[in-house]
Amino acid sequence: MANTEKNTQRILLADEDVIVRFGIAEYLRDCGLTVLEAATSQEAKAILQAVRNIDVLFSDPQLAGPEGGFALAQWVRRNRPGVHVVLEASLESKTAAAFELCCPPDPHKRFDAHALAAKIQTMRAERRRTRPQQSATALRRRRN
């Protein structure tokens, strides 16, 4: 597939981890692709029903929702057979798949799948550092 064809693709990215979703979506948009985002299988299915010109469903197989990513992929194959399905579970496989969707990459940018995974891991670490720490007492109060 030529790069011009890839740049006209519309991708539905479904991942419950907002940081992973944000990082991959930003990368794909930088490649010139159109990206729609969903956090759950229900959101992804609603988008697939509302938007006819989606070319690729890029989803985590363990997607949040009652159906999950595998069931969503089966639904897509039955109801939207023209949509290519990409299911990836690990951060490394997700970033590699994003890199493949984007290739050939912009020659002016020095960015690859490993750099994308490192960026997302840094964002996750920052989120953990900036979350307010809750005391055990506060957690017990919330449960009661």
Protein backbone atom coordinates (compact mmCIF):
# COMPACT_ATOMS: atom_id res chain seq x y z
CA MET A 1 0.00 0.00 0.00
CA ALA A 2 1.43 3.37 -0.98
CA ASN A 3 1.99 6.06 1.61
CA THR A 4 -0.65 8.28 -0.01
CA GLU A 5 -3.21 5.52 0.45
CA LYS A 6 -2.23 5.06 4.09
CA ASN A 7 -2.55 8.78 4.76
CA THR A 8 -6.20 8.66 3.71
CA GLN A 9 -6.99 5.85 6.12
CA ARG A 10 -9.31 6.36 9.08
CA ILE A 11 -8.34 4.32 12.12
CA LEU A 12 -10.48 3.53 15.16
CA LEU A 13 -8.11 3.13 18.10
CA ALA A 14 -9.73 1.32 21.03
CA ASP A 15 -7.73 1.10 24.27
CA GLU A 16 -8.87 1.66 27.84
CA ASP A 17 -5.49 3.05 28.93
CA VAL A 18 -5.78 6.75 28.14
CA ILE A 19 -2.01 7.27 28.06
CA VAL A 20 -1.44 4.42 25.61
CA ARG A 21 -4.36 5.61 23.51
CA PHE A 22 -3.14 9.22 23.56
CA GLY A 23 0.45 8.32 22.67
CA ILE A 24 -0.45 6.02 19.80
CA ALA A 25 -3.17 8.33 18.47
CA GLU A 26 -0.79 11.30 18.52
CA TYR A 27 1.84 9.28 16.67
CA LEU A 28 -0.63 8.11 14.01
CA ARG A 29 -1.98 11.64 13.56
CA ASP A 30 1.58 12.91 13.13
CA CYS A 31 1.82 10.40 10.27
CA GLY A 32 -1.14 12.09 8.63
CA LEU A 33 -3.72 9.43 9.50
CA THR A 34 -7.21 10.20 10.79
CA VAL A 35 -7.75 8.61 14.21
CA LEU A 36 -10.97 8.12 16.17
CA GLU A 37 -10.67 6.96 19.77
CA ALA A 38 -12.68 4.68 22.05
CA ALA A 39 -12.03 3.54 25.63
CA THR A 40 -14.49 0.62 25.68
CA SER A 41 -15.95 -1.97 23.35
CA GLN A 42 -19.33 -0.20 23.57
CA GLU A 43 -17.79 3.12 22.47
CA ALA A 44 -15.94 1.42 19.63
CA LYS A 45 -19.05 -0.37 18.42
CA ALA A 46 -21.08 2.89 18.55
CA ILE A 47 -18.44 4.63 16.44
CA LEU A 48 -18.35 1.73 13.98
CA GLN A 49 -22.13 1.93 13.63
CA ALA A 50 -22.14 5.72 13.19
CA VAL A 51 -19.09 6.22 10.96
CA ARG A 52 -19.09 4.31 7.70
CA ASN A 53 -15.61 5.08 6.39
CA ILE A 54 -13.39 3.41 8.98
CA ASP A 55 -10.60 1.37 7.45
CA VAL A 56 -8.86 -0.14 10.50
CA LEU A 57 -9.93 -1.17 13.99
CA PHE A 58 -6.80 -1.10 16.16
CA SER A 59 -7.78 -2.58 19.53
CA ASP A 60 -6.48 -4.15 22.69
CA PRO A 61 -7.87 -7.71 22.88
CA GLN A 62 -8.55 -7.14 26.60
CA LEU A 63 -10.54 -3.97 25.89
CA ALA A 64 -12.85 -2.78 28.66
CA GLY A 65 -16.54 -3.49 28.31
CA PRO A 66 -18.81 -6.49 28.48
CA GLU A 67 -17.67 -7.81 25.11
CA GLY A 68 -13.93 -7.10 25.09
CA GLY A 69 -11.63 -6.73 22.12
CA PHE A 70 -11.97 -10.26 20.73
CA ALA A 71 -15.77 -10.08 20.67
CA LEU A 72 -15.56 -6.62 19.09
CA ALA A 73 -13.28 -8.02 16.39
CA GLN A 74 -15.76 -10.83 15.69
CA TRP A 75 -18.59 -8.28 15.47
CA VAL A 76 -16.55 -6.21 13.02
CA ARG A 77 -15.81 -9.24 10.84
CA ARG A 78 -19.53 -10.07 10.69
CA ASN A 79 -20.93 -6.56 10.33
CA ARG A 80 -18.11 -4.50 8.78
CA PRO A 81 -16.08 -6.99 6.73
CA GLY A 82 -14.20 -4.21 4.93
CA VAL A 83 -12.61 -3.02 8.18
CA HIS A 84 -9.14 -4.45 8.80
CA VAL A 85 -8.74 -5.62 12.43
CA VAL A 86 -5.49 -5.26 14.38
CA LEU A 87 -5.47 -6.74 17.91
CA GLU A 88 -2.38 -6.11 20.01
CA ALA A 89 -1.96 -6.65 23.76
CA SER A 90 1.50 -5.53 24.92
CA LEU A 91 2.78 -1.99 24.70
CA GLU A 92 5.63 -3.17 22.47
CA SER A 93 3.31 -4.92 20.03
CA LYS A 94 0.94 -1.92 19.98
CA THR A 95 3.71 0.52 19.16
CA ALA A 96 5.13 -1.82 16.52
CA ALA A 97 1.68 -2.09 14.91
CA ALA A 98 1.29 1.71 15.00
CA PHE A 99 4.68 2.03 13.34
CA GLU A 100 3.59 -0.42 10.62
CA LEU A 101 0.36 1.51 10.02
CA CYS A 102 2.40 4.68 9.64
CA CYS A 103 5.20 3.32 7.46
CA PRO A 104 6.90 4.51 5.54
CA PRO A 105 7.61 7.04 8.27
CA ASP A 106 8.30 10.69 7.60
CA PRO A 107 12.01 10.80 6.65
CA HIS A 108 12.38 14.12 8.48
CA LYS A 109 11.35 12.57 11.80
CA ARG A 110 13.60 10.28 13.80
CA PHE A 111 10.91 8.25 15.51
CA ASP A 112 10.33 4.54 15.65
CA ALA A 113 8.29 1.97 17.56
CA HIS A 114 10.85 1.77 20.39
CA ALA A 115 10.83 5.55 20.82
CA LEU A 116 7.03 5.53 20.93
CA ALA A 117 6.99 2.79 23.59
CA ALA A 118 9.59 4.70 25.64
CA LYS A 119 7.53 7.89 25.39
CA ILE A 120 4.38 6.10 26.60
CA GLN A 121 6.27 4.44 29.46
CA THR A 122 7.60 7.86 30.50
CA MET A 123 4.07 9.29 30.43
CA ARG A 124 2.83 6.39 32.58
CA ALA A 125 5.63 6.92 35.09
CA GLU A 126 4.82 10.63 35.28
CA ARG A 127 1.15 9.82 35.91
CA ARG A 128 2.13 7.53 38.80
CA ARG A 129 4.41 10.21 40.30
CA THR A 130 1.81 12.96 40.11
CA ARG A 131 -1.15 10.99 41.49
CA PRO A 132 -1.98 12.10 45.02
CA GLN A 133 -1.12 9.41 47.52
CA GLN A 134 -4.09 8.32 49.58
CA SER A 135 -3.67 7.17 53.11
CA ALA A 136 -5.00 3.81 54.25
CA THR A 137 -7.49 5.68 56.47
CA ALA A 138 -8.85 7.64 53.50
CA LEU A 139 -9.23 4.44 51.47
CA ARG A 140 -11.12 2.74 54.35
CA ARG A 141 -13.47 5.72 54.63
CA ARG A 142 -14.24 5.57 50.92
CA ARG A 143 -15.09 1.87 51.13
CA ASN A 144 -17.54 2.40 54.02
